[in-house]
Amino acid sequence: MDRKVVSLCVSLSLIALFAGCAGKNVSSSSGDASSRAGQTKSEEIQPDAIKTVPPERSFDRPSGSVPSNLALPSTADSDLHASDSRVLGDIFFDYDRFQIRKDAMPSLDANAGWLRANASTTALIEGHCDERGTGAYNLVLGEKRARAAQKYLLDLGVQASQLQITSYGEARPFCKQQNEDCYQQNRRAHFVAK
């Protein structure tokens, strides 16, 4: 008789345990679909999920080669002072995105050409965001933007030793007004030649 009572108590305990857990949302850090189901869009960025050079660029050149239309600058261009960050152009991103836009490719191509011609120069790629989103989220997004630009330049033959990245998130806005034109100016990868 005692064995039946113990068995019944164990069964009822298990049923109560499973019934109590059934209504709870359990999330994992693996990034699977079930863990993202309850998340908002701003929480979906995973630090290792960077997609950089758009697929349409991959057929422009064989892997590892530099496009022929990116000739190295002339010596007159190389004489520009390396600390003048204006020799390297900034690129801009869409809201809540870190993929390289088509309109950013010419600037990155020019930056790559200049950096290859000035191999002793390093560049700091700063990732920036607009003020929307949490501080922590924007730091991660800014880093992803900087990494995307870095990967693009590496694919164009720039040496890894020439590139450094950092993220400022929303901490260093270029424009401080609260409108879309201003937000667009703040969603950028800023290049500083050293």
N, C-alpha and C. Protein backbone atom coordinates (compact mmCIF):
# COMPACT_ATOMS: atom_id res chain seq x y z
N MET A 1 0.82 -1.18 0.00
CA MET A 1 0.00 0.00 0.00
C MET A 1 0.87 1.26 0.00
N ASP A 2 2.01 1.26 0.72
CA ASP A 2 2.89 2.41 0.78
C ASP A 2 3.51 2.72 -0.58
N ARG A 3 3.77 1.71 -1.32
CA ARG A 3 4.37 1.90 -2.64
C ARG A 3 3.41 2.63 -3.57
N LYS A 4 2.13 2.32 -3.50
CA LYS A 4 1.12 2.99 -4.33
C LYS A 4 0.98 4.46 -3.95
N VAL A 5 1.06 4.74 -2.65
CA VAL A 5 0.95 6.11 -2.18
C VAL A 5 2.15 6.93 -2.65
N VAL A 6 3.33 6.36 -2.52
CA VAL A 6 4.55 7.06 -2.96
C VAL A 6 4.50 7.30 -4.46
N SER A 7 4.10 6.30 -5.21
CA SER A 7 4.00 6.42 -6.67
C SER A 7 2.99 7.48 -7.05
N LEU A 8 1.85 7.52 -6.36
CA LEU A 8 0.82 8.52 -6.63
C LEU A 8 1.33 9.93 -6.31
N CYS A 9 2.05 10.08 -5.21
CA CYS A 9 2.61 11.39 -4.83
C CYS A 9 3.63 11.88 -5.84
N VAL A 10 4.50 10.98 -6.29
CA VAL A 10 5.50 11.34 -7.29
C VAL A 10 4.81 11.75 -8.59
N SER A 11 3.81 11.00 -8.99
CA SER A 11 3.08 11.32 -10.23
C SER A 11 2.41 12.68 -10.13
N LEU A 12 1.74 12.94 -9.02
CA LEU A 12 1.07 14.23 -8.85
C LEU A 12 2.08 15.38 -8.80
N SER A 13 3.23 15.15 -8.20
CA SER A 13 4.27 16.19 -8.15
C SER A 13 4.79 16.52 -9.54
N LEU A 14 5.02 15.49 -10.35
CA LEU A 14 5.48 15.72 -11.72
C LEU A 14 4.44 16.45 -12.55
N ILE A 15 3.19 16.08 -12.40
CA ILE A 15 2.11 16.75 -13.14
C ILE A 15 2.05 18.22 -12.73
N ALA A 16 2.13 18.50 -11.45
CA ALA A 16 2.10 19.88 -10.97
C ALA A 16 3.30 20.68 -11.48
N LEU A 17 4.46 20.05 -11.50
CA LEU A 17 5.66 20.71 -11.98
C LEU A 17 5.53 21.08 -13.46
N PHE A 18 5.11 20.12 -14.27
CA PHE A 18 4.96 20.39 -15.70
C PHE A 18 3.85 21.39 -15.99
N ALA A 19 2.78 21.32 -15.25
CA ALA A 19 1.66 22.26 -15.45
C ALA A 19 2.09 23.67 -15.09
N GLY A 20 2.90 23.82 -14.05
CA GLY A 20 3.37 25.14 -13.64
C GLY A 20 4.35 25.74 -14.62
N CYS A 21 5.15 24.92 -15.28
CA CYS A 21 6.15 25.41 -16.22
C CYS A 21 5.60 25.64 -17.62
N ALA A 22 4.45 25.08 -17.91
CA ALA A 22 3.92 25.14 -19.27
C ALA A 22 3.63 26.57 -19.72
N GLY A 23 3.22 27.44 -18.80
CA GLY A 23 2.86 28.79 -19.20
C GLY A 23 4.01 29.76 -19.23
N LYS A 24 5.19 29.35 -18.85
CA LYS A 24 6.34 30.26 -18.79
C LYS A 24 7.09 30.28 -20.11
N ASN A 25 7.57 31.46 -20.50
CA ASN A 25 8.44 31.58 -21.67
C ASN A 25 9.87 31.34 -21.25
N VAL A 26 10.48 30.38 -21.85
CA VAL A 26 11.86 30.08 -21.57
C VAL A 26 12.68 30.52 -22.76
N SER A 27 13.71 31.31 -22.53
CA SER A 27 14.52 31.78 -23.64
C SER A 27 15.92 31.23 -23.52
N SER A 28 16.56 31.13 -24.65
CA SER A 28 17.94 30.67 -24.66
C SER A 28 18.80 31.73 -25.31
N SER A 29 20.09 31.63 -25.13
CA SER A 29 21.00 32.58 -25.75
C SER A 29 21.50 32.09 -27.10
N SER A 30 20.93 30.98 -27.56
CA SER A 30 21.41 30.41 -28.82
C SER A 30 20.90 31.15 -30.03
N GLY A 31 19.89 32.03 -29.85
CA GLY A 31 19.39 32.78 -30.98
C GLY A 31 18.42 32.00 -31.83
N ASP A 32 17.87 30.88 -31.31
CA ASP A 32 16.94 30.11 -32.12
C ASP A 32 15.60 30.83 -32.20
N ALA A 33 14.74 30.36 -33.09
CA ALA A 33 13.46 31.02 -33.35
C ALA A 33 12.59 31.06 -32.10
N SER A 34 12.60 30.01 -31.29
CA SER A 34 11.75 30.00 -30.10
C SER A 34 12.20 31.04 -29.09
N SER A 35 13.49 31.33 -29.01
CA SER A 35 13.95 32.33 -28.05
C SER A 35 13.70 33.74 -28.56
N ARG A 36 13.57 33.92 -29.87
CA ARG A 36 13.31 35.24 -30.43
C ARG A 36 11.83 35.55 -30.48
N ALA A 37 10.98 34.56 -30.28
CA ALA A 37 9.55 34.75 -30.45
C ALA A 37 9.02 35.87 -29.58
N GLY A 38 9.48 36.01 -28.36
CA GLY A 38 8.99 37.04 -27.47
C GLY A 38 9.81 38.30 -27.49
N GLN A 39 10.82 38.39 -28.30
CA GLN A 39 11.70 39.56 -28.31
C GLN A 39 11.20 40.60 -29.29
N THR A 40 11.56 41.84 -29.00
CA THR A 40 11.30 42.91 -29.95
C THR A 40 12.43 42.94 -30.96
N LYS A 41 12.22 43.68 -32.01
CA LYS A 41 13.22 43.74 -33.08
C LYS A 41 14.57 44.25 -32.57
N SER A 42 14.54 45.16 -31.62
CA SER A 42 15.80 45.73 -31.15
C SER A 42 16.66 44.74 -30.38
N GLU A 43 16.10 43.62 -29.96
CA GLU A 43 16.87 42.64 -29.21
C GLU A 43 17.41 41.53 -30.08
N GLU A 44 17.20 41.57 -31.39
CA GLU A 44 17.58 40.47 -32.26
C GLU A 44 19.03 40.51 -32.72
N ILE A 45 19.75 41.57 -32.49
CA ILE A 45 21.13 41.65 -32.97
C ILE A 45 22.00 40.71 -32.16
N GLN A 46 22.67 39.82 -32.85
CA GLN A 46 23.60 38.89 -32.22
C GLN A 46 25.00 39.32 -32.63
N PRO A 47 25.94 39.43 -31.70
CA PRO A 47 27.28 39.94 -32.02
C PRO A 47 28.01 39.17 -33.10
N ASP A 48 27.69 37.90 -33.31
CA ASP A 48 28.43 37.13 -34.30
C ASP A 48 27.66 36.93 -35.60
N ALA A 49 26.62 37.73 -35.82
CA ALA A 49 25.77 37.53 -37.00
C ALA A 49 26.02 38.58 -38.07
N ILE A 50 27.23 39.10 -38.17
CA ILE A 50 27.51 40.17 -39.13
C ILE A 50 27.48 39.64 -40.55
N LYS A 51 26.75 40.34 -41.39
CA LYS A 51 26.76 40.08 -42.82
C LYS A 51 27.29 41.36 -43.43
N THR A 52 28.37 41.27 -44.14
CA THR A 52 29.01 42.50 -44.57
C THR A 52 28.87 42.75 -46.06
N VAL A 53 29.83 42.34 -46.84
CA VAL A 53 29.85 42.68 -48.25
C VAL A 53 28.64 42.05 -48.93
N PRO A 54 27.77 42.88 -49.52
CA PRO A 54 26.57 42.35 -50.15
C PRO A 54 26.92 41.35 -51.25
N PRO A 55 26.02 40.38 -51.47
CA PRO A 55 26.29 39.33 -52.46
C PRO A 55 26.53 39.88 -53.86
N GLU A 56 25.92 41.02 -54.20
CA GLU A 56 26.10 41.53 -55.55
C GLU A 56 27.53 41.95 -55.83
N ARG A 57 28.34 42.15 -54.77
CA ARG A 57 29.75 42.52 -54.97
C ARG A 57 30.62 41.30 -55.21
N SER A 58 30.15 40.12 -54.81
CA SER A 58 31.00 38.94 -54.89
C SER A 58 31.28 38.50 -56.32
N PHE A 59 30.41 38.84 -57.27
CA PHE A 59 30.67 38.42 -58.64
C PHE A 59 31.49 39.44 -59.42
N ASP A 60 31.79 40.59 -58.81
CA ASP A 60 32.58 41.63 -59.48
C ASP A 60 34.04 41.21 -59.68
N ARG A 61 34.53 40.35 -58.82
CA ARG A 61 35.94 40.01 -58.88
C ARG A 61 36.15 38.61 -58.32
N PRO A 62 37.20 37.96 -58.75
CA PRO A 62 37.53 36.67 -58.15
C PRO A 62 37.88 36.86 -56.69
N SER A 63 37.67 35.84 -55.89
CA SER A 63 37.94 35.91 -54.47
C SER A 63 39.40 36.28 -54.21
N GLY A 64 39.59 37.28 -53.34
CA GLY A 64 40.94 37.67 -52.95
C GLY A 64 41.61 38.68 -53.87
N SER A 65 40.99 39.01 -55.00
CA SER A 65 41.62 39.97 -55.91
C SER A 65 41.02 41.35 -55.72
N VAL A 66 41.72 42.35 -56.17
CA VAL A 66 41.28 43.73 -56.07
C VAL A 66 40.69 44.13 -57.41
N PRO A 67 39.51 44.76 -57.42
CA PRO A 67 38.90 45.16 -58.69
C PRO A 67 39.82 46.08 -59.49
N SER A 68 39.83 45.90 -60.80
CA SER A 68 40.72 46.70 -61.65
C SER A 68 40.31 48.16 -61.69
N ASN A 69 39.05 48.46 -61.41
CA ASN A 69 38.62 49.85 -61.44
C ASN A 69 39.03 50.61 -60.18
N LEU A 70 39.73 49.95 -59.28
CA LEU A 70 40.20 50.61 -58.06
C LEU A 70 41.71 50.81 -58.13
N ALA A 71 42.15 51.54 -59.10
CA ALA A 71 43.58 51.80 -59.25
C ALA A 71 44.08 52.57 -58.04
N LEU A 72 45.31 52.34 -57.69
CA LEU A 72 45.89 53.06 -56.58
C LEU A 72 45.99 54.54 -56.92
N PRO A 73 45.78 55.41 -55.93
CA PRO A 73 45.86 56.84 -56.20
C PRO A 73 47.25 57.24 -56.67
N SER A 74 47.29 58.36 -57.37
CA SER A 74 48.57 58.87 -57.84
C SER A 74 49.40 59.35 -56.66
N THR A 75 50.66 59.62 -56.91
CA THR A 75 51.53 60.07 -55.82
C THR A 75 51.06 61.39 -55.25
N ALA A 76 50.41 62.22 -56.06
CA ALA A 76 49.89 63.47 -55.54
C ALA A 76 48.83 63.20 -54.48
N ASP A 77 47.98 62.18 -54.71
CA ASP A 77 46.98 61.82 -53.72
C ASP A 77 47.63 61.23 -52.48
N SER A 78 48.71 60.51 -52.64
CA SER A 78 49.38 59.87 -51.52
C SER A 78 50.09 60.88 -50.63
N ASP A 79 50.32 62.09 -51.15
CA ASP A 79 51.00 63.10 -50.36
C ASP A 79 50.09 63.75 -49.33
N LEU A 80 48.79 63.41 -49.35
CA LEU A 80 47.88 63.97 -48.37
C LEU A 80 48.32 63.54 -46.98
N HIS A 81 48.23 64.43 -46.05
CA HIS A 81 48.67 64.13 -44.69
C HIS A 81 47.77 63.04 -44.10
N ALA A 82 48.37 62.02 -43.55
CA ALA A 82 47.63 60.85 -43.07
C ALA A 82 46.67 61.18 -41.94
N SER A 83 46.94 62.21 -41.14
CA SER A 83 46.04 62.51 -40.03
C SER A 83 44.81 63.29 -40.48
N ASP A 84 44.75 63.68 -41.74
CA ASP A 84 43.59 64.40 -42.26
C ASP A 84 42.50 63.37 -42.53
N SER A 85 41.54 63.26 -41.61
CA SER A 85 40.52 62.22 -41.74
C SER A 85 39.60 62.47 -42.92
N ARG A 86 39.67 63.65 -43.55
CA ARG A 86 38.81 63.92 -44.70
C ARG A 86 39.22 63.12 -45.93
N VAL A 87 40.40 62.52 -45.93
CA VAL A 87 40.80 61.71 -47.08
C VAL A 87 40.00 60.42 -47.13
N LEU A 88 39.42 60.03 -46.00
CA LEU A 88 38.61 58.83 -45.93
C LEU A 88 37.15 59.24 -45.72
N GLY A 89 36.29 58.72 -46.58
CA GLY A 89 34.88 59.11 -46.52
C GLY A 89 34.08 58.24 -45.58
N ASP A 90 33.10 58.85 -44.92
CA ASP A 90 32.18 58.11 -44.06
C ASP A 90 31.14 57.39 -44.90
N ILE A 91 30.54 56.38 -44.30
CA ILE A 91 29.42 55.70 -44.95
C ILE A 91 28.24 55.70 -43.99
N PHE A 92 27.05 55.54 -44.53
CA PHE A 92 25.84 55.65 -43.74
C PHE A 92 25.03 54.36 -43.84
N PHE A 93 24.19 54.15 -42.83
CA PHE A 93 23.42 52.91 -42.71
C PHE A 93 21.94 53.21 -42.58
N ASP A 94 21.13 52.21 -42.91
CA ASP A 94 19.70 52.31 -42.71
C ASP A 94 19.39 52.12 -41.23
N TYR A 95 18.19 52.53 -40.83
CA TYR A 95 17.76 52.40 -39.45
C TYR A 95 17.81 50.95 -38.99
N ASP A 96 18.45 50.72 -37.86
CA ASP A 96 18.53 49.41 -37.22
C ASP A 96 19.19 48.36 -38.11
N ARG A 97 20.10 48.77 -38.97
CA ARG A 97 20.78 47.85 -39.88
C ARG A 97 22.29 48.08 -39.83
N PHE A 98 23.04 47.05 -40.23
CA PHE A 98 24.49 47.16 -40.30
C PHE A 98 25.02 46.62 -41.62
N GLN A 99 24.15 46.32 -42.56
CA GLN A 99 24.60 45.86 -43.87
C GLN A 99 25.06 47.07 -44.70
N ILE A 100 26.10 46.83 -45.50
CA ILE A 100 26.65 47.89 -46.35
C ILE A 100 25.64 48.19 -47.46
N ARG A 101 25.29 49.46 -47.61
CA ARG A 101 24.36 49.87 -48.66
C ARG A 101 25.11 50.07 -49.97
N LYS A 102 24.39 49.96 -51.07
CA LYS A 102 25.02 50.15 -52.39
C LYS A 102 25.62 51.54 -52.53
N ASP A 103 24.96 52.55 -51.97
CA ASP A 103 25.50 53.91 -52.11
C ASP A 103 26.76 54.13 -51.28
N ALA A 104 27.08 53.22 -50.37
CA ALA A 104 28.30 53.33 -49.57
C ALA A 104 29.50 52.69 -50.25
N MET A 105 29.25 51.83 -51.21
CA MET A 105 30.33 51.07 -51.85
C MET A 105 31.38 51.95 -52.53
N PRO A 106 31.00 53.00 -53.27
CA PRO A 106 32.04 53.85 -53.88
C PRO A 106 32.96 54.50 -52.84
N SER A 107 32.41 54.94 -51.71
CA SER A 107 33.24 55.53 -50.66
C SER A 107 34.19 54.50 -50.08
N LEU A 108 33.69 53.29 -49.83
CA LEU A 108 34.54 52.24 -49.30
C LEU A 108 35.60 51.83 -50.31
N ASP A 109 35.23 51.78 -51.58
CA ASP A 109 36.21 51.44 -52.62
C ASP A 109 37.33 52.48 -52.65
N ALA A 110 36.96 53.77 -52.55
CA ALA A 110 37.97 54.84 -52.53
C ALA A 110 38.82 54.75 -51.27
N ASN A 111 38.18 54.48 -50.12
CA ASN A 111 38.94 54.33 -48.87
C ASN A 111 39.94 53.18 -48.98
N ALA A 112 39.51 52.08 -49.58
CA ALA A 112 40.40 50.92 -49.74
C ALA A 112 41.59 51.28 -50.62
N GLY A 113 41.34 51.97 -51.72
CA GLY A 113 42.44 52.39 -52.60
C GLY A 113 43.43 53.28 -51.89
N TRP A 114 42.93 54.23 -51.10
CA TRP A 114 43.82 55.13 -50.39
C TRP A 114 44.62 54.38 -49.33
N LEU A 115 43.98 53.47 -48.61
CA LEU A 115 44.68 52.72 -47.56
C LEU A 115 45.72 51.77 -48.16
N ARG A 116 45.43 51.16 -49.30
CA ARG A 116 46.43 50.30 -49.95
C ARG A 116 47.62 51.12 -50.42
N ALA A 117 47.39 52.34 -50.87
CA ALA A 117 48.47 53.20 -51.34
C ALA A 117 49.28 53.76 -50.18
N ASN A 118 48.70 53.79 -49.00
CA ASN A 118 49.35 54.34 -47.80
C ASN A 118 49.43 53.23 -46.76
N ALA A 119 50.20 52.22 -47.07
CA ALA A 119 50.24 51.00 -46.25
C ALA A 119 50.76 51.23 -44.84
N SER A 120 51.47 52.33 -44.61
CA SER A 120 51.98 52.60 -43.26
C SER A 120 50.94 53.34 -42.41
N THR A 121 49.81 53.68 -42.99
CA THR A 121 48.77 54.41 -42.29
C THR A 121 47.75 53.43 -41.72
N THR A 122 47.27 53.73 -40.52
CA THR A 122 46.17 52.95 -39.95
C THR A 122 44.91 53.80 -39.95
N ALA A 123 43.79 53.14 -39.92
CA ALA A 123 42.51 53.84 -39.88
C ALA A 123 41.68 53.27 -38.74
N LEU A 124 41.07 54.16 -38.00
CA LEU A 124 40.13 53.77 -36.96
C LEU A 124 38.74 53.90 -37.57
N ILE A 125 37.98 52.83 -37.52
CA ILE A 125 36.60 52.85 -38.02
C ILE A 125 35.70 52.93 -36.80
N GLU A 126 34.99 54.06 -36.68
CA GLU A 126 34.10 54.30 -35.55
C GLU A 126 32.67 53.98 -35.96
N GLY A 127 32.00 53.12 -35.21
CA GLY A 127 30.59 52.82 -35.47
C GLY A 127 29.71 53.74 -34.64
N HIS A 128 28.73 54.36 -35.30
CA HIS A 128 27.84 55.32 -34.64
C HIS A 128 26.38 54.96 -34.92
N CYS A 129 25.50 55.40 -34.03
CA CYS A 129 24.06 55.15 -34.15
C CYS A 129 23.30 56.43 -33.85
N ASP A 130 22.02 56.45 -34.22
CA ASP A 130 21.19 57.55 -33.78
C ASP A 130 20.74 57.26 -32.35
N GLU A 131 20.01 58.19 -31.75
CA GLU A 131 19.69 58.09 -30.33
C GLU A 131 18.60 57.09 -30.00
N ARG A 132 17.93 56.54 -30.99
CA ARG A 132 16.87 55.59 -30.71
C ARG A 132 17.46 54.24 -30.34
N GLY A 133 16.87 53.58 -29.39
CA GLY A 133 17.40 52.31 -28.90
C GLY A 133 18.14 52.52 -27.59
N THR A 134 18.37 51.43 -26.88
CA THR A 134 19.07 51.54 -25.60
C THR A 134 20.56 51.78 -25.85
N GLY A 135 21.24 52.25 -24.83
CA GLY A 135 22.68 52.49 -24.94
C GLY A 135 23.44 51.22 -25.26
N ALA A 136 23.10 50.12 -24.59
CA ALA A 136 23.79 48.84 -24.82
C ALA A 136 23.52 48.33 -26.23
N TYR A 137 22.29 48.43 -26.67
CA TYR A 137 21.93 47.98 -28.02
C TYR A 137 22.71 48.78 -29.06
N ASN A 138 22.77 50.09 -28.88
CA ASN A 138 23.46 50.94 -29.85
C ASN A 138 24.96 50.70 -29.86
N LEU A 139 25.54 50.35 -28.73
CA LEU A 139 26.97 50.01 -28.73
C LEU A 139 27.23 48.76 -29.57
N VAL A 140 26.37 47.76 -29.45
CA VAL A 140 26.52 46.54 -30.25
C VAL A 140 26.29 46.85 -31.72
N LEU A 141 25.25 47.62 -32.02
CA LEU A 141 24.95 47.97 -33.41
C LEU A 141 26.08 48.79 -34.02
N GLY A 142 26.63 49.73 -33.26
CA GLY A 142 27.77 50.52 -33.75
C GLY A 142 28.97 49.64 -34.05
N GLU A 143 29.22 48.65 -33.21
CA GLU A 143 30.33 47.73 -33.45
C GLU A 143 30.09 46.91 -34.71
N LYS A 144 28.86 46.47 -34.91
CA LYS A 144 28.54 45.70 -36.11
C LYS A 144 28.73 46.55 -37.37
N ARG A 145 28.40 47.82 -37.30
CA ARG A 145 28.61 48.71 -38.44
C ARG A 145 30.10 48.88 -38.73
N ALA A 146 30.88 49.06 -37.68
CA ALA A 146 32.33 49.20 -37.87
C ALA A 146 32.92 47.91 -38.43
N ARG A 147 32.49 46.77 -37.90
CA ARG A 147 32.99 45.48 -38.40
C ARG A 147 32.58 45.22 -39.85
N ALA A 148 31.39 45.64 -40.22
CA ALA A 148 30.94 45.46 -41.60
C ALA A 148 31.83 46.25 -42.55
N ALA A 149 32.14 47.50 -42.18
CA ALA A 149 33.03 48.33 -43.00
C ALA A 149 34.43 47.72 -43.03
N GLN A 150 34.90 47.24 -41.90
CA GLN A 150 36.23 46.62 -41.83
C GLN A 150 36.29 45.39 -42.74
N LYS A 151 35.30 44.54 -42.69
CA LYS A 151 35.27 43.32 -43.51
C LYS A 151 35.28 43.68 -45.00
N TYR A 152 34.52 44.68 -45.37
CA TYR A 152 34.47 45.12 -46.76
C TYR A 152 35.86 45.57 -47.22
N LEU A 153 36.53 46.36 -46.40
CA LEU A 153 37.88 46.84 -46.76
C LEU A 153 38.88 45.68 -46.84
N LEU A 154 38.78 44.74 -45.92
CA LEU A 154 39.66 43.57 -45.96
C LEU A 154 39.45 42.77 -47.24
N ASP A 155 38.20 42.65 -47.66
CA ASP A 155 37.89 41.95 -48.90
C ASP A 155 38.46 42.65 -50.13
N LEU A 156 38.74 43.94 -50.00
CA LEU A 156 39.32 44.71 -51.10
C LEU A 156 40.84 44.80 -51.01
N GLY A 157 41.44 44.05 -50.13
CA GLY A 157 42.89 43.97 -50.08
C GLY A 157 43.58 44.86 -49.08
N VAL A 158 42.85 45.55 -48.23
CA VAL A 158 43.48 46.36 -47.18
C VAL A 158 44.02 45.40 -46.12
N GLN A 159 45.20 45.68 -45.62
CA GLN A 159 45.82 44.83 -44.61
C GLN A 159 45.09 44.96 -43.27
N ALA A 160 44.88 43.84 -42.59
CA ALA A 160 44.19 43.85 -41.31
C ALA A 160 44.92 44.72 -40.29
N SER A 161 46.24 44.80 -40.37
CA SER A 161 47.01 45.60 -39.43
C SER A 161 46.74 47.10 -39.58
N GLN A 162 46.13 47.50 -40.69
CA GLN A 162 45.82 48.91 -40.92
C GLN A 162 44.48 49.34 -40.33
N LEU A 163 43.68 48.39 -39.89
CA LEU A 163 42.31 48.70 -39.49
C LEU A 163 42.07 48.41 -38.02
N GLN A 164 41.48 49.38 -37.35
CA GLN A 164 41.02 49.22 -35.97
C GLN A 164 39.56 49.63 -35.93
N ILE A 165 38.81 49.06 -35.02
CA ILE A 165 37.41 49.44 -34.91
C ILE A 165 37.07 49.81 -33.48
N THR A 166 36.04 50.63 -33.34
CA THR A 166 35.46 50.96 -32.04
C THR A 166 34.01 51.33 -32.25
N SER A 167 33.25 51.32 -31.20
CA SER A 167 31.86 51.73 -31.26
C SER A 167 31.61 52.81 -30.24
N TYR A 168 30.92 53.85 -30.67
CA TYR A 168 30.50 54.89 -29.76
C TYR A 168 28.99 54.86 -29.57
N GLY A 169 28.31 53.96 -30.27
CA GLY A 169 26.86 53.88 -30.14
C GLY A 169 26.24 55.23 -30.46
N GLU A 170 25.46 55.73 -29.53
CA GLU A 170 24.80 57.02 -29.71
C GLU A 170 25.54 58.15 -29.00
N ALA A 171 26.69 57.87 -28.40
CA ALA A 171 27.38 58.82 -27.52
C ALA A 171 27.98 60.02 -28.23
N ARG A 172 28.31 59.91 -29.51
CA ARG A 172 28.94 61.03 -30.24
C ARG A 172 28.14 61.37 -31.49
N PRO A 173 26.99 61.98 -31.33
CA PRO A 173 26.18 62.30 -32.51
C PRO A 173 26.81 63.40 -33.34
N PHE A 174 26.66 63.28 -34.65
CA PHE A 174 27.12 64.33 -35.56
C PHE A 174 26.09 65.45 -35.58
N CYS A 175 24.82 65.07 -35.49
CA CYS A 175 23.71 66.01 -35.54
C CYS A 175 22.84 65.75 -34.30
N LYS A 176 22.32 66.82 -33.68
CA LYS A 176 21.59 66.65 -32.42
C LYS A 176 20.10 66.95 -32.51
N GLN A 177 19.59 67.18 -33.69
CA GLN A 177 18.16 67.42 -33.84
C GLN A 177 17.42 66.09 -33.85
N GLN A 178 16.15 66.11 -33.53
CA GLN A 178 15.37 64.88 -33.49
C GLN A 178 14.46 64.80 -34.70
N ASN A 179 15.08 64.50 -35.85
CA ASN A 179 14.32 64.27 -37.07
C ASN A 179 15.08 63.26 -37.93
N GLU A 180 14.44 62.72 -38.95
CA GLU A 180 15.03 61.63 -39.72
C GLU A 180 16.29 62.06 -40.46
N ASP A 181 16.34 63.31 -40.97
CA ASP A 181 17.55 63.76 -41.65
C ASP A 181 18.76 63.74 -40.71
N CYS A 182 18.53 64.16 -39.49
CA CYS A 182 19.60 64.17 -38.49
C CYS A 182 19.95 62.75 -38.07
N TYR A 183 18.94 61.92 -37.85
CA TYR A 183 19.20 60.53 -37.47
C TYR A 183 20.05 59.83 -38.53
N GLN A 184 19.77 60.10 -39.81
CA GLN A 184 20.52 59.46 -40.89
C GLN A 184 22.00 59.84 -40.83
N GLN A 185 22.30 61.07 -40.48
CA GLN A 185 23.70 61.51 -40.39
C GLN A 185 24.43 60.83 -39.23
N ASN A 186 23.68 60.42 -38.22
CA ASN A 186 24.30 59.77 -37.05
C ASN A 186 24.48 58.27 -37.24
N ARG A 187 23.78 57.66 -38.17
CA ARG A 187 23.92 56.22 -38.43
C ARG A 187 25.05 56.04 -39.43
N ARG A 188 26.28 55.95 -38.92
CA ARG A 188 27.42 56.01 -39.82
C ARG A 188 28.60 55.20 -39.31
N ALA A 189 29.50 54.93 -40.22
CA ALA A 189 30.85 54.46 -39.88
C ALA A 189 31.77 55.61 -40.26
N HIS A 190 32.45 56.15 -39.29
CA HIS A 190 33.33 57.30 -39.47
C HIS A 190 34.78 56.80 -39.49
N PHE A 191 35.56 57.26 -40.48
CA PHE A 191 36.92 56.82 -40.66
C PHE A 191 37.89 57.91 -40.22
N VAL A 192 38.84 57.53 -39.39
CA VAL A 192 39.86 58.46 -38.93
C VAL A 192 41.22 57.87 -39.29
N ALA A 193 41.96 58.55 -40.17
CA ALA A 193 43.30 58.10 -40.55
C ALA A 193 44.28 58.51 -39.46
N LYS A 194 45.19 57.60 -39.13
CA LYS A 194 46.18 57.90 -38.08
C LYS A 194 47.57 57.88 -38.66
